[in-house]
Amino acid sequence: MTLYYVVITQQWNYKKLLGYVRWDVLAWVGAAIALGNYMKTYGGAWEAMIKASMLDPHTFIGMLIISAIGFVASFLMGSSGKFVAIAVLMAQVFGIEYFLWFFALDFTGYLLSPTHKCVMVGNRYFGTPLSTYYKALATWGGLLLATAGIITFVL
């Protein structure tokens, strides 16, 4: 971005230009990306663990554990591409009839993740309080889960 300003403004005062960079935001976003890549590195082990599990999605406890695993994985990764991959993997292993549930659950985990880059940039750069984000995102996630739960398990 600094190079962009140099080219557009024809300003060569690097100290001034680098003063515009929010290094704390850059560090947090970099850490989020690094954590996501770390989790991606062990994707094969994750997939093997899920496929080898003896969890039964037809029991309440089995579905609760399966759901918790998907939610926590999506929460830790905080990535739009990775939450979808987890939802698809879970549906492939436990049944396509649960795809809507896994999608809504993993999407909610992704939205609430502290490594979700949009929340992080909004908080660190614009100063929006995390409580503002989490109030809105938790409400939306709750509505998504309620809708997906009714459609998947009741109807």
C-alpha atoms as a PDB file:
ATOM      1  CA  MET A   1       0.000   0.000   0.000  1.00  0.00           C
ATOM      2  CA  THR A   2       2.870   2.331   0.775  1.00  0.00           C
ATOM      3  CA  LEU A   3       4.298   1.735  -2.700  1.00  0.00           C
ATOM      4  CA  TYR A   4       0.886   2.591  -4.135  1.00  0.00           C
ATOM      5  CA  TYR A   5       0.996   5.951  -2.341  1.00  0.00           C
ATOM      6  CA  VAL A   6       4.515   6.577  -3.627  1.00  0.00           C
ATOM      7  CA  VAL A   7       3.440   6.012  -7.231  1.00  0.00           C
ATOM      8  CA  ILE A   8       0.122   7.888  -7.014  1.00  0.00           C
ATOM      9  CA  THR A   9       1.225  10.869  -4.924  1.00  0.00           C
ATOM     10  CA  GLN A  10       4.777  11.054  -6.237  1.00  0.00           C
ATOM     11  CA  GLN A  11       5.777  11.550  -2.615  1.00  0.00           C
ATOM     12  CA  TRP A  12       9.166  10.152  -1.704  1.00  0.00           C
ATOM     13  CA  ASN A  13       9.153  10.852   2.028  1.00  0.00           C
ATOM     14  CA  TYR A  14       9.176   7.242   3.218  1.00  0.00           C
ATOM     15  CA  LYS A  15       9.047   8.154   6.896  1.00  0.00           C
ATOM     16  CA  LYS A  16       5.823  10.080   6.341  1.00  0.00           C
ATOM     17  CA  LEU A  17       4.360   7.334   4.149  1.00  0.00           C
ATOM     18  CA  LEU A  18       5.255   4.571   6.595  1.00  0.00           C
ATOM     19  CA  GLY A  19       3.583   6.655   9.313  1.00  0.00           C
ATOM     20  CA  TYR A  20       0.247   5.927   7.617  1.00  0.00           C
ATOM     21  CA  VAL A  21       0.694   2.180   8.073  1.00  0.00           C
ATOM     22  CA  ARG A  22      -1.049   0.727  11.127  1.00  0.00           C
ATOM     23  CA  TRP A  23       1.587  -1.792  12.148  1.00  0.00           C
ATOM     24  CA  ASP A  24      -0.581  -3.320  14.885  1.00  0.00           C
ATOM     25  CA  VAL A  25      -3.314  -4.109  12.340  1.00  0.00           C
ATOM     26  CA  LEU A  26      -0.734  -5.549   9.974  1.00  0.00           C
ATOM     27  CA  ALA A  27       0.683  -7.748  12.764  1.00  0.00           C
ATOM     28  CA  TRP A  28      -2.760  -9.041  13.824  1.00  0.00           C
ATOM     29  CA  VAL A  29      -3.802  -9.837  10.253  1.00  0.00           C
ATOM     30  CA  GLY A  30      -0.442 -11.539   9.654  1.00  0.00           C
ATOM     31  CA  ALA A  31      -0.901 -13.631  12.806  1.00  0.00           C
ATOM     32  CA  ALA A  32      -4.413 -14.625  11.687  1.00  0.00           C
ATOM     33  CA  ILE A  33      -3.119 -15.696   8.283  1.00  0.00           C
ATOM     34  CA  ALA A  34      -0.241 -17.631   9.880  1.00  0.00           C
ATOM     35  CA  LEU A  35      -2.634 -19.457  12.234  1.00  0.00           C
ATOM     36  CA  GLY A  36      -4.905 -20.372   9.325  1.00  0.00           C
ATOM     37  CA  ASN A  37      -1.949 -21.678   7.343  1.00  0.00           C
ATOM     38  CA  TYR A  38      -0.732 -23.684  10.352  1.00  0.00           C
ATOM     39  CA  MET A  39      -4.152 -25.333  10.616  1.00  0.00           C
ATOM     40  CA  LYS A  40      -4.149 -25.960   6.854  1.00  0.00           C
ATOM     41  CA  THR A  41      -0.759 -27.673   7.091  1.00  0.00           C
ATOM     42  CA  TYR A  42      -2.302 -30.368   9.271  1.00  0.00           C
ATOM     43  CA  GLY A  43      -5.452 -30.701   7.149  1.00  0.00           C
ATOM     44  CA  GLY A  44      -4.664 -34.310   6.224  1.00  0.00           C
ATOM     45  CA  ALA A  45      -4.429 -35.346   9.863  1.00  0.00           C
ATOM     46  CA  TRP A  46      -7.688 -33.519  10.582  1.00  0.00           C
ATOM     47  CA  GLU A  47      -9.447 -35.301   7.716  1.00  0.00           C
ATOM     48  CA  ALA A  48      -8.114 -38.705   8.793  1.00  0.00           C
ATOM     49  CA  MET A  49      -9.294 -38.096  12.361  1.00  0.00           C
ATOM     50  CA  ILE A  50     -12.817 -37.215  11.231  1.00  0.00           C
ATOM     51  CA  LYS A  51     -13.087 -40.163   8.857  1.00  0.00           C
ATOM     52  CA  ALA A  52     -11.807 -42.594  11.491  1.00  0.00           C
ATOM     53  CA  SER A  53     -14.133 -41.345  14.215  1.00  0.00           C
ATOM     54  CA  MET A  54     -16.783 -43.691  15.493  1.00  0.00           C
ATOM     55  CA  LEU A  55     -19.226 -40.855  16.155  1.00  0.00           C
ATOM     56  CA  ASP A  56     -22.843 -41.511  15.205  1.00  0.00           C
ATOM     57  CA  PRO A  57     -24.687 -38.445  13.882  1.00  0.00           C
ATOM     58  CA  HIS A  58     -28.011 -40.185  14.577  1.00  0.00           C
ATOM     59  CA  THR A  59     -27.552 -39.831  18.351  1.00  0.00           C
ATOM     60  CA  PHE A  60     -27.753 -36.564  20.250  1.00  0.00           C
ATOM     61  CA  ILE A  61     -24.332 -36.988  21.898  1.00  0.00           C
ATOM     62  CA  GLY A  62     -22.713 -38.030  18.603  1.00  0.00           C
ATOM     63  CA  MET A  63     -24.115 -35.032  16.730  1.00  0.00           C
ATOM     64  CA  LEU A  64     -23.182 -32.723  19.609  1.00  0.00           C
ATOM     65  CA  ILE A  65     -19.541 -33.891  19.515  1.00  0.00           C
ATOM     66  CA  ILE A  66     -19.388 -33.771  15.707  1.00  0.00           C
ATOM     67  CA  SER A  67     -20.860 -30.259  15.751  1.00  0.00           C
ATOM     68  CA  ALA A  68     -18.434 -29.094  18.431  1.00  0.00           C
ATOM     69  CA  ILE A  69     -15.464 -30.386  16.415  1.00  0.00           C
ATOM     70  CA  GLY A  70     -16.606 -28.531  13.282  1.00  0.00           C
ATOM     71  CA  PHE A  71     -17.405 -25.328  15.159  1.00  0.00           C
ATOM     72  CA  VAL A  72     -14.086 -25.264  17.019  1.00  0.00           C
ATOM     73  CA  ALA A  73     -12.098 -25.967  13.835  1.00  0.00           C
ATOM     74  CA  SER A  74     -13.868 -23.155  11.958  1.00  0.00           C
ATOM     75  CA  PHE A  75     -13.492 -20.846  14.953  1.00  0.00           C
ATOM     76  CA  LEU A  76      -9.745 -21.504  15.133  1.00  0.00           C
ATOM     77  CA  MET A  77      -9.158 -21.027  11.415  1.00  0.00           C
ATOM     78  CA  GLY A  78     -11.296 -17.926  10.892  1.00  0.00           C
ATOM     79  CA  SER A  79     -11.199 -18.346   7.134  1.00  0.00           C
ATOM     80  CA  SER A  80     -14.062 -18.345   4.651  1.00  0.00           C
ATOM     81  CA  GLY A  81     -12.451 -20.980   2.446  1.00  0.00           C
ATOM     82  CA  LYS A  82     -11.591 -23.259   5.334  1.00  0.00           C
ATOM     83  CA  PHE A  83     -15.009 -23.245   7.020  1.00  0.00           C
ATOM     84  CA  VAL A  84     -16.595 -24.388   3.754  1.00  0.00           C
ATOM     85  CA  ALA A  85     -14.021 -27.158   3.409  1.00  0.00           C
ATOM     86  CA  ILE A  86     -14.830 -28.356   6.934  1.00  0.00           C
ATOM     87  CA  ALA A  87     -18.586 -28.285   6.250  1.00  0.00           C
ATOM     88  CA  VAL A  88     -18.141 -30.273   3.033  1.00  0.00           C
ATOM     89  CA  LEU A  89     -15.841 -32.800   4.730  1.00  0.00           C
ATOM     90  CA  MET A  90     -18.285 -33.292   7.604  1.00  0.00           C
ATOM     91  CA  ALA A  91     -21.181 -33.775   5.169  1.00  0.00           C
ATOM     92  CA  GLN A  92     -19.166 -36.290   3.139  1.00  0.00           C
ATOM     93  CA  VAL A  93     -18.289 -38.291   6.242  1.00  0.00           C
ATOM     94  CA  PHE A  94     -21.561 -38.091   8.183  1.00  0.00           C
ATOM     95  CA  GLY A  95     -24.166 -37.641   5.457  1.00  0.00           C
ATOM     96  CA  ILE A  96     -25.240 -35.035   2.943  1.00  0.00           C
ATOM     97  CA  GLU A  97     -28.551 -34.602   4.802  1.00  0.00           C
ATOM     98  CA  TYR A  98     -26.590 -32.715   7.485  1.00  0.00           C
ATOM     99  CA  PHE A  99     -24.838 -30.340   5.099  1.00  0.00           C
ATOM    100  CA  LEU A 100     -27.081 -27.351   5.895  1.00  0.00           C
ATOM    101  CA  TRP A 101     -26.438 -27.831   9.614  1.00  0.00           C
ATOM    102  CA  PHE A 102     -22.672 -28.163   9.167  1.00  0.00           C
ATOM    103  CA  PHE A 103     -22.586 -25.157   6.857  1.00  0.00           C
ATOM    104  CA  ALA A 104     -24.511 -22.923   9.288  1.00  0.00           C
ATOM    105  CA  LEU A 105     -22.540 -24.179  12.290  1.00  0.00           C
ATOM    106  CA  ASP A 106     -19.130 -23.758  10.670  1.00  0.00           C
ATOM    107  CA  PHE A 107     -20.097 -20.378   9.202  1.00  0.00           C
ATOM    108  CA  THR A 108     -21.072 -19.205  12.685  1.00  0.00           C
ATOM    109  CA  GLY A 109     -17.721 -20.430  14.039  1.00  0.00           C
ATOM    110  CA  TYR A 110     -15.941 -18.529  11.290  1.00  0.00           C
ATOM    111  CA  LEU A 111     -17.940 -15.344  11.950  1.00  0.00           C
ATOM    112  CA  LEU A 112     -17.222 -15.408  15.684  1.00  0.00           C
ATOM    113  CA  SER A 113     -13.544 -16.230  15.267  1.00  0.00           C
ATOM    114  CA  PRO A 114     -11.074 -13.723  16.680  1.00  0.00           C
ATOM    115  CA  THR A 115      -8.892 -14.537  13.663  1.00  0.00           C
ATOM    116  CA  HIS A 116     -11.645 -13.441  11.248  1.00  0.00           C
ATOM    117  CA  LYS A 117      -9.768 -10.739   9.380  1.00  0.00           C
ATOM    118  CA  CYS A 118     -12.753  -8.411   8.827  1.00  0.00           C
ATOM    119  CA  VAL A 119     -13.512  -8.176  12.540  1.00  0.00           C
ATOM    120  CA  MET A 120      -9.849  -7.715  13.334  1.00  0.00           C
ATOM    121  CA  VAL A 121      -9.342  -4.894  10.843  1.00  0.00           C
ATOM    122  CA  GLY A 122     -12.569  -3.176  11.932  1.00  0.00           C
ATOM    123  CA  ASN A 123     -11.536  -3.368  15.559  1.00  0.00           C
ATOM    124  CA  ARG A 124      -7.848  -2.535  15.284  1.00  0.00           C
ATOM    125  CA  TYR A 125      -7.988  -0.025  12.435  1.00  0.00           C
ATOM    126  CA  PHE A 126     -11.356   1.699  12.827  1.00  0.00           C
ATOM    127  CA  GLY A 127     -11.635   1.217  16.583  1.00  0.00           C
ATOM    128  CA  THR A 128     -15.033  -0.469  16.511  1.00  0.00           C
ATOM    129  CA  PRO A 129     -15.512  -2.256  19.850  1.00  0.00           C
ATOM    130  CA  LEU A 130     -15.497  -6.054  19.692  1.00  0.00           C
ATOM    131  CA  SER A 131     -18.735  -6.100  21.680  1.00  0.00           C
ATOM    132  CA  THR A 132     -20.458  -4.316  18.789  1.00  0.00           C
ATOM    133  CA  TYR A 133     -19.287  -6.967  16.345  1.00  0.00           C
ATOM    134  CA  TYR A 134     -20.034  -9.911  18.596  1.00  0.00           C
ATOM    135  CA  LYS A 135     -23.513  -8.691  19.465  1.00  0.00           C
ATOM    136  CA  ALA A 136     -24.468  -8.506  15.800  1.00  0.00           C
ATOM    137  CA  LEU A 137     -22.582 -11.627  14.682  1.00  0.00           C
ATOM    138  CA  ALA A 138     -23.796 -13.792  17.583  1.00  0.00           C
ATOM    139  CA  THR A 139     -27.399 -12.774  16.878  1.00  0.00           C
ATOM    140  CA  TRP A 140     -26.992 -13.566  13.205  1.00  0.00           C
ATOM    141  CA  GLY A 141     -25.234 -16.848  13.979  1.00  0.00           C
ATOM    142  CA  GLY A 142     -27.991 -17.814  16.418  1.00  0.00           C
ATOM    143  CA  LEU A 143     -30.648 -17.173  13.781  1.00  0.00           C
ATOM    144  CA  LEU A 144     -28.688 -19.203  11.225  1.00  0.00           C
ATOM    145  CA  LEU A 145     -28.319 -22.107  13.641  1.00  0.00           C
ATOM    146  CA  ALA A 146     -31.979 -22.015  14.635  1.00  0.00           C
ATOM    147  CA  THR A 147     -33.088 -22.036  11.002  1.00  0.00           C
ATOM    148  CA  ALA A 148     -30.637 -24.770   9.966  1.00  0.00           C
ATOM    149  CA  GLY A 149     -31.522 -26.824  13.063  1.00  0.00           C
ATOM    150  CA  ILE A 150     -35.247 -26.678  12.341  1.00  0.00           C
ATOM    151  CA  ILE A 151     -34.801 -27.548   8.676  1.00  0.00           C
ATOM    152  CA  THR A 152     -32.239 -30.323   9.346  1.00  0.00           C
ATOM    153  CA  PHE A 153     -33.633 -31.993  12.443  1.00  0.00           C
ATOM    154  CA  VAL A 154     -37.368 -31.124  12.598  1.00  0.00           C
ATOM    155  CA  LEU A 155     -38.760 -30.812   9.080  1.00  0.00           C
END
